[in-house]
C-alpha cells in the first residue's frame, strides 16, 4: 500500500520528537568516502511538505553501526522506502 505525500506528511508530523528508523531508496550511499546502507535512525525533529528531518541522527554503517552524524539530515518523502518506530534506534542488526 503506497501512501500519498499528504498522508505521509500527516503521519510523520505526529511522530515529531519520537525515535524512528528510516530506510531510503538507494542500494548504498557514499559520504566522505564511507560507503553505507541507506539506514538512518534518530529523532524526528521537523516535518515539512516533501521532507522530514532527523536530528540527532545515527547512520548505520558496517564498521561504525552507531555513527552519530554531526548535522541534521533531511530526507525527501519520495526517497523513503520504509520507516518504523517499533525498532529501537540502538538495535544492532547485520548490515552486510
PDB file of N, CA and C in Angstrom:
ATOM      1  N   UNK A   1       0.840  -1.180   0.000  1.00  0.00           N
ATOM      2  CA  UNK A   1       0.000   0.000   0.000  1.00  0.00           C
ATOM      3  C   UNK A   1       0.886   1.244   0.000  1.00  0.00           C
ATOM      4  N   UNK A   2       0.736   2.059  -0.999  1.00  0.00           N
ATOM      5  CA  UNK A   2       1.555   3.255  -1.115  1.00  0.00           C
ATOM      6  C   UNK A   2       0.802   4.451  -0.532  1.00  0.00           C
ATOM      7  N   UNK A   3       1.515   5.232   0.259  1.00  0.00           N
ATOM      8  CA  UNK A   3       0.892   6.388   0.886  1.00  0.00           C
ATOM      9  C   UNK A   3       1.018   7.601  -0.025  1.00  0.00           C
ATOM     10  N   UNK A   4       0.010   8.446  -0.001  1.00  0.00           N
ATOM     11  CA  UNK A   4       0.149   9.708  -0.706  1.00  0.00           C
ATOM     12  C   UNK A   4       1.046  10.612   0.129  1.00  0.00           C
ATOM     13  N   UNK A   5       1.599  11.614  -0.517  1.00  0.00           N
ATOM     14  CA  UNK A   5       2.507  12.516   0.194  1.00  0.00           C
ATOM     15  C   UNK A   5       1.806  13.227   1.351  1.00  0.00           C
ATOM     16  N   UNK A   6       0.543  13.607   1.164  1.00  0.00           N
ATOM     17  CA  UNK A   6      -0.187  14.280   2.244  1.00  0.00           C
ATOM     18  C   UNK A   6      -0.410  13.350   3.435  1.00  0.00           C
ATOM     19  N   UNK A   7      -0.735  12.084   3.156  1.00  0.00           N
ATOM     20  CA  UNK A   7      -0.915  11.119   4.249  1.00  0.00           C
ATOM     21  C   UNK A   7       0.390  10.891   4.991  1.00  0.00           C
ATOM     22  N   UNK A   8       1.481  10.766   4.234  1.00  0.00           N
ATOM     23  CA  UNK A   8       2.795  10.576   4.851  1.00  0.00           C
ATOM     24  C   UNK A   8       3.163  11.789   5.697  1.00  0.00           C
ATOM     25  N   UNK A   9       2.890  12.981   5.178  1.00  0.00           N
ATOM     26  CA  UNK A   9       3.154  14.213   5.926  1.00  0.00           C
ATOM     27  C   UNK A   9       2.401  14.193   7.260  1.00  0.00           C
ATOM     28  N   UNK A  10       1.117  13.873   7.213  1.00  0.00           N
ATOM     29  CA  UNK A  10       0.301  13.861   8.433  1.00  0.00           C
ATOM     30  C   UNK A  10       0.792  12.804   9.425  1.00  0.00           C
ATOM     31  N   UNK A  11       1.148  11.631   8.910  1.00  0.00           N
ATOM     32  CA  UNK A  11       1.608  10.551   9.783  1.00  0.00           C
ATOM     33  C   UNK A  11       2.948  10.895  10.436  1.00  0.00           C
ATOM     34  N   UNK A  12       3.886  11.425   9.651  1.00  0.00           N
ATOM     35  CA  UNK A  12       5.202  11.777  10.196  1.00  0.00           C
ATOM     36  C   UNK A  12       5.120  12.979  11.130  1.00  0.00           C
ATOM     37  N   UNK A  13       4.216  13.903  10.863  1.00  0.00           N
ATOM     38  CA  UNK A  13       4.046  15.086  11.717  1.00  0.00           C
ATOM     39  C   UNK A  13       3.704  14.654  13.152  1.00  0.00           C
ATOM     40  N   UNK A  14       2.933  13.581  13.281  1.00  0.00           N
ATOM     41  CA  UNK A  14       2.565  13.068  14.606  1.00  0.00           C
ATOM     42  C   UNK A  14       3.761  12.466  15.341  1.00  0.00           C
ATOM     43  N   UNK A  15       4.834  12.156  14.604  1.00  0.00           N
ATOM     44  CA  UNK A  15       5.999  11.494  15.194  1.00  0.00           C
ATOM     45  C   UNK A  15       7.110  12.461  15.606  1.00  0.00           C
ATOM     46  N   UNK A  16       6.888  13.766  15.486  1.00  0.00           N
ATOM     47  CA  UNK A  16       7.914  14.730  15.893  1.00  0.00           C
ATOM     48  C   UNK A  16       8.255  14.486  17.362  1.00  0.00           C
ATOM     49  N   UNK A  17       9.556  14.354  17.618  1.00  0.00           N
ATOM     50  CA  UNK A  17      10.040  14.073  18.966  1.00  0.00           C
ATOM     51  C   UNK A  17      10.229  12.591  19.245  1.00  0.00           C
ATOM     52  N   UNK A  18       9.729  11.731  18.360  1.00  0.00           N
ATOM     53  CA  UNK A  18       9.867  10.279  18.534  1.00  0.00           C
ATOM     54  C   UNK A  18      11.089   9.760  17.782  1.00  0.00           C
ATOM     55  N   UNK A  19      11.613   8.625  18.255  1.00  0.00           N
ATOM     56  CA  UNK A  19      12.715   7.957  17.562  1.00  0.00           C
ATOM     57  C   UNK A  19      12.161   7.112  16.427  1.00  0.00           C
ATOM     58  N   UNK A  20      12.945   7.060  15.339  1.00  0.00           N
ATOM     59  CA  UNK A  20      12.476   6.430  14.115  1.00  0.00           C
ATOM     60  C   UNK A  20      13.651   5.809  13.387  1.00  0.00           C
ATOM     61  N   UNK A  21      13.434   4.676  12.737  1.00  0.00           N
ATOM     62  CA  UNK A  21      14.417   4.117  11.807  1.00  0.00           C
ATOM     63  C   UNK A  21      13.846   4.315  10.416  1.00  0.00           C
ATOM     64  N   UNK A  22      14.680   4.830   9.500  1.00  0.00           N
ATOM     65  CA  UNK A  22      14.256   5.115   8.130  1.00  0.00           C
ATOM     66  C   UNK A  22      15.181   4.391   7.163  1.00  0.00           C
ATOM     67  N   UNK A  23      14.591   3.737   6.180  1.00  0.00           N
ATOM     68  CA  UNK A  23      15.356   3.124   5.093  1.00  0.00           C
ATOM     69  C   UNK A  23      15.000   3.877   3.826  1.00  0.00           C
ATOM     70  N   UNK A  24      16.026   4.305   3.092  1.00  0.00           N
ATOM     71  CA  UNK A  24      15.785   5.069   1.868  1.00  0.00           C
ATOM     72  C   UNK A  24      15.999   4.203   0.633  1.00  0.00           C
ATOM     73  N   UNK A  25      15.655   4.757  -0.514  1.00  0.00           N
ATOM     74  CA  UNK A  25      15.603   4.043  -1.779  1.00  0.00           C
ATOM     75  C   UNK A  25      16.953   3.545  -2.285  1.00  0.00           C
ATOM     76  N   UNK A  26      18.025   4.236  -2.066  1.00  0.00           N
ATOM     77  CA  UNK A  26      19.334   3.870  -2.621  1.00  0.00           C
ATOM     78  C   UNK A  26      19.803   2.514  -2.096  1.00  0.00           C
ATOM     79  N   UNK A  27      20.521   1.770  -2.941  1.00  0.00           N
ATOM     80  CA  UNK A  27      21.099   0.494  -2.518  1.00  0.00           C
ATOM     81  C   UNK A  27      22.227   0.748  -1.530  1.00  0.00           C
ATOM     82  N   UNK A  28      23.045   1.752  -1.834  1.00  0.00           N
ATOM     83  CA  UNK A  28      24.097   2.176  -0.916  1.00  0.00           C
ATOM     84  C   UNK A  28      24.382   3.651  -1.150  1.00  0.00           C
ATOM     85  N   UNK A  29      24.933   4.284  -0.143  1.00  0.00           N
ATOM     86  CA  UNK A  29      25.270   5.704  -0.207  1.00  0.00           C
ATOM     87  C   UNK A  29      26.746   5.876   0.098  1.00  0.00           C
ATOM     88  N   UNK A  30      27.288   7.017  -0.286  1.00  0.00           N
ATOM     89  CA  UNK A  30      28.692   7.321  -0.039  1.00  0.00           C
ATOM     90  C   UNK A  30      28.758   8.697   0.603  1.00  0.00           C
ATOM     91  N   UNK A  31      29.400   8.758   1.751  1.00  0.00           N
ATOM     92  CA  UNK A  31      29.537  10.017   2.471  1.00  0.00           C
ATOM     93  C   UNK A  31      30.951  10.111   3.007  1.00  0.00           C
ATOM     94  N   UNK A  32      31.677  11.107   2.561  1.00  0.00           N
ATOM     95  CA  UNK A  32      33.053  11.319   2.998  1.00  0.00           C
ATOM     96  C   UNK A  32      33.909  10.065   2.811  1.00  0.00           C
ATOM     97  N   UNK A  33      33.703   9.379   1.692  1.00  0.00           N
ATOM     98  CA  UNK A  33      34.497   8.196   1.381  1.00  0.00           C
ATOM     99  C   UNK A  33      34.030   6.918   2.047  1.00  0.00           C
ATOM    100  N   UNK A  34      32.997   6.988   2.870  1.00  0.00           N
ATOM    101  CA  UNK A  34      32.451   5.799   3.534  1.00  0.00           C
ATOM    102  C   UNK A  34      31.195   5.339   2.790  1.00  0.00           C
ATOM    103  N   UNK A  35      31.188   4.089   2.369  1.00  0.00           N
ATOM    104  CA  UNK A  35      30.014   3.515   1.719  1.00  0.00           C
ATOM    105  C   UNK A  35      29.169   2.844   2.795  1.00  0.00           C
ATOM    106  N   UNK A  36      27.864   3.084   2.758  1.00  0.00           N
ATOM    107  CA  UNK A  36      26.991   2.516   3.782  1.00  0.00           C
ATOM    108  C   UNK A  36      25.603   2.251   3.221  1.00  0.00           C
ATOM    109  N   UNK A  37      24.878   1.394   3.908  1.00  0.00           N
ATOM    110  CA  UNK A  37      23.488   1.102   3.554  1.00  0.00           C
ATOM    111  C   UNK A  37      22.626   2.307   3.939  1.00  0.00           C
ATOM    112  N   UNK A  38      21.527   2.519   3.233  1.00  0.00           N
ATOM    113  CA  UNK A  38      20.697   3.702   3.500  1.00  0.00           C
ATOM    114  C   UNK A  38      19.762   3.521   4.695  1.00  0.00           C
ATOM    115  N   UNK A  39      20.353   3.272   5.861  1.00  0.00           N
ATOM    116  CA  UNK A  39      19.572   3.072   7.084  1.00  0.00           C
ATOM    117  C   UNK A  39      19.967   4.157   8.084  1.00  0.00           C
ATOM    118  N   UNK A  40      18.979   4.930   8.500  1.00  0.00           N
ATOM    119  CA  UNK A  40      19.210   6.038   9.423  1.00  0.00           C
ATOM    120  C   UNK A  40      18.294   5.865  10.623  1.00  0.00           C
ATOM    121  N   UNK A  41      18.766   6.244  11.790  1.00  0.00           N
ATOM    122  CA  UNK A  41      17.895   6.258  12.957  1.00  0.00           C
ATOM    123  C   UNK A  41      18.123   7.566  13.691  1.00  0.00           C
ATOM    124  N   UNK A  42      17.076   8.047  14.295  1.00  0.00           N
ATOM    125  CA  UNK A  42      17.199   9.296  15.026  1.00  0.00           C
ATOM    126  C   UNK A  42      15.844   9.809  15.461  1.00  0.00           C
ATOM    127  N   UNK A  43      15.860  11.029  15.933  1.00  0.00           N
ATOM    128  CA  UNK A  43      14.649  11.676  16.417  1.00  0.00           C
ATOM    129  C   UNK A  43      14.082  12.564  15.320  1.00  0.00           C
ATOM    130  N   UNK A  44      12.798  12.431  15.070  1.00  0.00           N
ATOM    131  CA  UNK A  44      12.135  13.286  14.083  1.00  0.00           C
ATOM    132  C   UNK A  44      12.084  14.691  14.669  1.00  0.00           C
ATOM    133  N   UNK A  45      12.812  15.614  14.045  1.00  0.00           N
ATOM    134  CA  UNK A  45      12.865  16.977  14.580  1.00  0.00           C
ATOM    135  C   UNK A  45      12.004  17.955  13.792  1.00  0.00           C
ATOM    136  N   UNK A  46      11.710  17.624  12.527  1.00  0.00           N
ATOM    137  CA  UNK A  46      10.917  18.533  11.697  1.00  0.00           C
ATOM    138  C   UNK A  46      10.279  17.738  10.569  1.00  0.00           C
ATOM    139  N   UNK A  47       9.076  18.131  10.205  1.00  0.00           N
ATOM    140  CA  UNK A  47       8.395  17.547   9.048  1.00  0.00           C
ATOM    141  C   UNK A  47       7.776  18.694   8.268  1.00  0.00           C
ATOM    142  N   UNK A  48       8.135  18.789   7.007  1.00  0.00           N
ATOM    143  CA  UNK A  48       7.570  19.777   6.096  1.00  0.00           C
ATOM    144  C   UNK A  48       6.961  19.013   4.927  1.00  0.00           C
ATOM    145  N   UNK A  49       6.156  19.693   4.119  1.00  0.00           N
ATOM    146  CA  UNK A  49       5.627  19.035   2.923  1.00  0.00           C
ATOM    147  C   UNK A  49       6.806  18.688   2.032  1.00  0.00           C
ATOM    148  N   UNK A  50       7.000  17.396   1.796  1.00  0.00           N
ATOM    149  CA  UNK A  50       8.060  16.956   0.896  1.00  0.00           C
ATOM    150  C   UNK A  50       9.280  16.358   1.565  1.00  0.00           C
ATOM    151  N   UNK A  51       9.507  16.630   2.857  1.00  0.00           N
ATOM    152  CA  UNK A  51      10.681  16.046   3.518  1.00  0.00           C
ATOM    153  C   UNK A  51      10.509  16.002   5.034  1.00  0.00           C
ATOM    154  N   UNK A  52      11.323  15.139   5.650  1.00  0.00           N
ATOM    155  CA  UNK A  52      11.387  15.071   7.109  1.00  0.00           C
ATOM    156  C   UNK A  52      12.842  15.237   7.530  1.00  0.00           C
ATOM    157  N   UNK A  53      13.075  15.684   8.749  1.00  0.00           N
ATOM    158  CA  UNK A  53      14.429  15.883   9.256  1.00  0.00           C
ATOM    159  C   UNK A  53      14.623  15.070  10.526  1.00  0.00           C
ATOM    160  N   UNK A  54      15.755  14.365  10.569  1.00  0.00           N
ATOM    161  CA  UNK A  54      16.165  13.635  11.766  1.00  0.00           C
ATOM    162  C   UNK A  54      17.311  14.383  12.427  1.00  0.00           C
ATOM    163  N   UNK A  55      17.209  14.588  13.735  1.00  0.00           N
ATOM    164  CA  UNK A  55      18.286  15.234  14.483  1.00  0.00           C
ATOM    165  C   UNK A  55      18.084  14.945  15.965  1.00  0.00           C
ATOM    166  N   UNK A  56      19.040  14.384  16.641  1.00  0.00           N
ATOM    167  CA  UNK A  56      20.295  13.833  16.129  1.00  0.00           C
ATOM    168  C   UNK A  56      20.009  12.587  15.293  1.00  0.00           C
ATOM    169  N   UNK A  57      20.981  12.235  14.451  1.00  0.00           N
ATOM    170  CA  UNK A  57      20.796  11.097  13.555  1.00  0.00           C
ATOM    171  C   UNK A  57      21.996  10.163  13.635  1.00  0.00           C
ATOM    172  N   UNK A  58      21.710   8.870  13.593  1.00  0.00           N
ATOM    173  CA  UNK A  58      22.749   7.842  13.574  1.00  0.00           C
ATOM    174  C   UNK A  58      22.697   7.183  12.206  1.00  0.00           C
ATOM    175  N   UNK A  59      23.860   7.093  11.564  1.00  0.00           N
ATOM    176  CA  UNK A  59      23.966   6.388  10.294  1.00  0.00           C
ATOM    177  C   UNK A  59      24.457   4.987  10.613  1.00  0.00           C
ATOM    178  N   UNK A  60      23.732   3.991  10.144  1.00  0.00           N
ATOM    179  CA  UNK A  60      24.079   2.592  10.416  1.00  0.00           C
ATOM    180  C   UNK A  60      25.107   2.119   9.389  1.00  0.00           C
ATOM    181  N   UNK A  61      26.393   2.196   9.734  1.00  0.00           N
ATOM    182  CA  UNK A  61      27.477   1.730   8.869  1.00  0.00           C
ATOM    183  C   UNK A  61      27.991   0.389   9.379  1.00  0.00           C
ATOM    184  N   UNK A  62      28.514  -0.441   8.475  1.00  0.00           N
ATOM    185  CA  UNK A  62      29.024  -1.755   8.860  1.00  0.00           C
ATOM    186  C   UNK A  62      30.143  -1.623   9.882  1.00  0.00           C
ATOM    187  N   UNK A  63      31.092  -0.717   9.620  1.00  0.00           N
ATOM    188  CA  UNK A  63      32.247  -0.579  10.516  1.00  0.00           C
ATOM    189  C   UNK A  63      31.990   0.392  11.668  1.00  0.00           C
ATOM    190  N   UNK A  64      30.874   1.079  11.661  1.00  0.00           N
ATOM    191  CA  UNK A  64      30.524   2.007  12.743  1.00  0.00           C
ATOM    192  C   UNK A  64      28.991   2.063  12.839  1.00  0.00           C
ATOM    193  N   UNK A  65      28.366   1.038  13.436  1.00  0.00           N
ATOM    194  CA  UNK A  65      26.904   0.946  13.420  1.00  0.00           C
ATOM    195  C   UNK A  65      26.176   2.040  14.200  1.00  0.00           C
ATOM    196  N   UNK A  66      26.905   2.813  14.985  1.00  0.00           N
ATOM    197  CA  UNK A  66      26.274   3.888  15.757  1.00  0.00           C
ATOM    198  C   UNK A  66      26.958   5.223  15.488  1.00  0.00           C
ATOM    199  N   UNK A  67      27.274   5.493  14.210  1.00  0.00           N
ATOM    200  CA  UNK A  67      27.953   6.740  13.853  1.00  0.00           C
ATOM    201  C   UNK A  67      26.981   7.909  14.009  1.00  0.00           C
ATOM    202  N   UNK A  68      27.282   8.782  14.958  1.00  0.00           N
ATOM    203  CA  UNK A  68      26.467   9.974  15.175  1.00  0.00           C
ATOM    204  C   UNK A  68      26.861  11.033  14.163  1.00  0.00           C
ATOM    205  N   UNK A  69      25.984  11.288  13.208  1.00  0.00           N
ATOM    206  CA  UNK A  69      26.253  12.292  12.192  1.00  0.00           C
ATOM    207  C   UNK A  69      26.163  13.666  12.847  1.00  0.00           C
ATOM    208  N   UNK A  70      27.119  14.568  12.548  1.00  0.00           N
ATOM    209  CA  UNK A  70      27.171  15.842  13.271  1.00  0.00           C
ATOM    210  C   UNK A  70      26.115  16.874  12.863  1.00  0.00           C
ATOM    211  N   UNK A  71      25.337  16.596  11.829  1.00  0.00           N
ATOM    212  CA  UNK A  71      24.331  17.550  11.350  1.00  0.00           C
ATOM    213  C   UNK A  71      22.983  16.849  11.194  1.00  0.00           C
ATOM    214  N   UNK A  72      21.897  17.603  11.252  1.00  0.00           N
ATOM    215  CA  UNK A  72      20.590  17.007  10.941  1.00  0.00           C
ATOM    216  C   UNK A  72      20.574  16.527   9.488  1.00  0.00           C
ATOM    217  N   UNK A  73      19.786  15.516   9.211  1.00  0.00           N
ATOM    218  CA  UNK A  73      19.635  15.013   7.846  1.00  0.00           C
ATOM    219  C   UNK A  73      18.168  15.134   7.455  1.00  0.00           C
ATOM    220  N   UNK A  74      17.926  15.780   6.311  1.00  0.00           N
ATOM    221  CA  UNK A  74      16.578  15.867   5.754  1.00  0.00           C
ATOM    222  C   UNK A  74      16.435  14.822   4.660  1.00  0.00           C
ATOM    223  N   UNK A  75      15.355  14.089   4.700  1.00  0.00           N
ATOM    224  CA  UNK A  75      15.117  13.005   3.747  1.00  0.00           C
ATOM    225  C   UNK A  75      13.837  13.319   2.972  1.00  0.00           C
ATOM    226  N   UNK A  76      13.942  13.417   1.638  1.00  0.00           N
ATOM    227  CA  UNK A  76      12.738  13.655   0.827  1.00  0.00           C
ATOM    228  C   UNK A  76      11.770  12.474   0.935  1.00  0.00           C
ATOM    229  N   UNK A  77      10.486  12.764   0.985  1.00  0.00           N
ATOM    230  CA  UNK A  77       9.486  11.706   1.098  1.00  0.00           C
ATOM    231  C   UNK A  77       9.626  10.664  -0.003  1.00  0.00           C
ATOM    232  N   UNK A  78       9.919  11.099  -1.224  1.00  0.00           N
ATOM    233  CA  UNK A  78       9.979  10.149  -2.341  1.00  0.00           C
ATOM    234  C   UNK A  78      11.136   9.165  -2.217  1.00  0.00           C
ATOM    235  N   UNK A  79      12.102   9.440  -1.326  1.00  0.00           N
ATOM    236  CA  UNK A  79      13.230   8.533  -1.117  1.00  0.00           C
ATOM    237  C   UNK A  79      13.001   7.556   0.036  1.00  0.00           C
ATOM    238  N   UNK A  80      11.938   7.749   0.799  1.00  0.00           N
ATOM    239  CA  UNK A  80      11.658   6.869   1.939  1.00  0.00           C
ATOM    240  C   UNK A  80      10.990   5.590   1.444  1.00  0.00           C
ATOM    241  N   UNK A  81      11.635   4.461   1.716  1.00  0.00           N
ATOM    242  CA  UNK A  81      11.084   3.157   1.361  1.00  0.00           C
ATOM    243  C   UNK A  81      10.293   2.594   2.535  1.00  0.00           C
ATOM    244  N   UNK A  82      10.846   2.755   3.737  1.00  0.00           N
ATOM    245  CA  UNK A  82      10.213   2.200   4.920  1.00  0.00           C
ATOM    246  C   UNK A  82      10.665   2.982   6.148  1.00  0.00           C
ATOM    247  N   UNK A  83       9.818   2.976   7.171  1.00  0.00           N
ATOM    248  CA  UNK A  83      10.203   3.570   8.449  1.00  0.00           C
ATOM    249  C   UNK A  83       9.446   2.858   9.556  1.00  0.00           C
ATOM    250  N   UNK A  84       9.999   2.937  10.764  1.00  0.00           N
ATOM    251  CA  UNK A  84       9.364   2.257  11.888  1.00  0.00           C
ATOM    252  C   UNK A  84       9.741   2.929  13.202  1.00  0.00           C
ATOM    253  N   UNK A  85       8.777   2.963  14.090  1.00  0.00           N
ATOM    254  CA  UNK A  85       9.044   3.395  15.464  1.00  0.00           C
ATOM    255  C   UNK A  85       9.169   2.167  16.367  1.00  0.00           C
ATOM    256  N   UNK A  86       8.944   0.984  15.807  1.00  0.00           N
ATOM    257  CA  UNK A  86       8.944  -0.262  16.578  1.00  0.00           C
ATOM    258  C   UNK A  86      10.338  -0.818  16.831  1.00  0.00           C
ATOM    259  N   UNK A  87      11.309  -0.459  15.990  1.00  0.00           N
ATOM    260  CA  UNK A  87      12.673  -0.967  16.131  1.00  0.00           C
ATOM    261  C   UNK A  87      13.465   0.032  16.965  1.00  0.00           C
ATOM    262  N   UNK A  88      14.047  -0.387  18.085  1.00  0.00           N
ATOM    263  CA  UNK A  88      14.847   0.543  18.893  1.00  0.00           C
ATOM    264  C   UNK A  88      16.022   1.095  18.079  1.00  0.00           C
ATOM    265  N   UNK A  89      16.291   2.388  18.205  1.00  0.00           N
ATOM    266  CA  UNK A  89      17.367   3.001  17.419  1.00  0.00           C
ATOM    267  C   UNK A  89      18.737   2.468  17.796  1.00  0.00           C
ATOM    268  N   UNK A  90      18.863   1.866  18.975  1.00  0.00           N
ATOM    269  CA  UNK A  90      20.154   1.302  19.372  1.00  0.00           C
ATOM    270  C   UNK A  90      20.241  -0.197  19.077  1.00  0.00           C
ATOM    271  N   UNK A  91      19.296  -0.709  18.317  1.00  0.00           N
ATOM    272  CA  UNK A  91      19.287  -2.127  17.933  1.00  0.00           C
ATOM    273  C   UNK A  91      20.468  -2.433  17.016  1.00  0.00           C
ATOM    274  N   UNK A  92      21.156  -3.534  17.285  1.00  0.00           N
ATOM    275  CA  UNK A  92      22.250  -3.990  16.432  1.00  0.00           C
ATOM    276  C   UNK A  92      21.690  -5.072  15.518  1.00  0.00           C
ATOM    277  N   UNK A  93      21.867  -4.893  14.199  1.00  0.00           N
ATOM    278  CA  UNK A  93      21.426  -5.908  13.251  1.00  0.00           C
ATOM    279  C   UNK A  93      22.425  -5.967  12.112  1.00  0.00           C
ATOM    280  N   UNK A  94      22.542  -7.125  11.439  1.00  0.00           N
ATOM    281  CA  UNK A  94      23.560  -7.282  10.393  1.00  0.00           C
ATOM    282  C   UNK A  94      23.283  -6.377   9.203  1.00  0.00           C
ATOM    283  N   UNK A  95      24.340  -5.741   8.702  1.00  0.00           N
ATOM    284  CA  UNK A  95      24.208  -4.831   7.569  1.00  0.00           C
ATOM    285  C   UNK A  95      24.902  -5.350   6.323  1.00  0.00           C
ATOM    286  N   UNK A  96      25.711  -6.369   6.458  1.00  0.00           N
ATOM    287  CA  UNK A  96      26.496  -6.870   5.320  1.00  0.00           C
ATOM    288  C   UNK A  96      25.645  -7.649   4.352  1.00  0.00           C
TER     289      UNK A  96
END
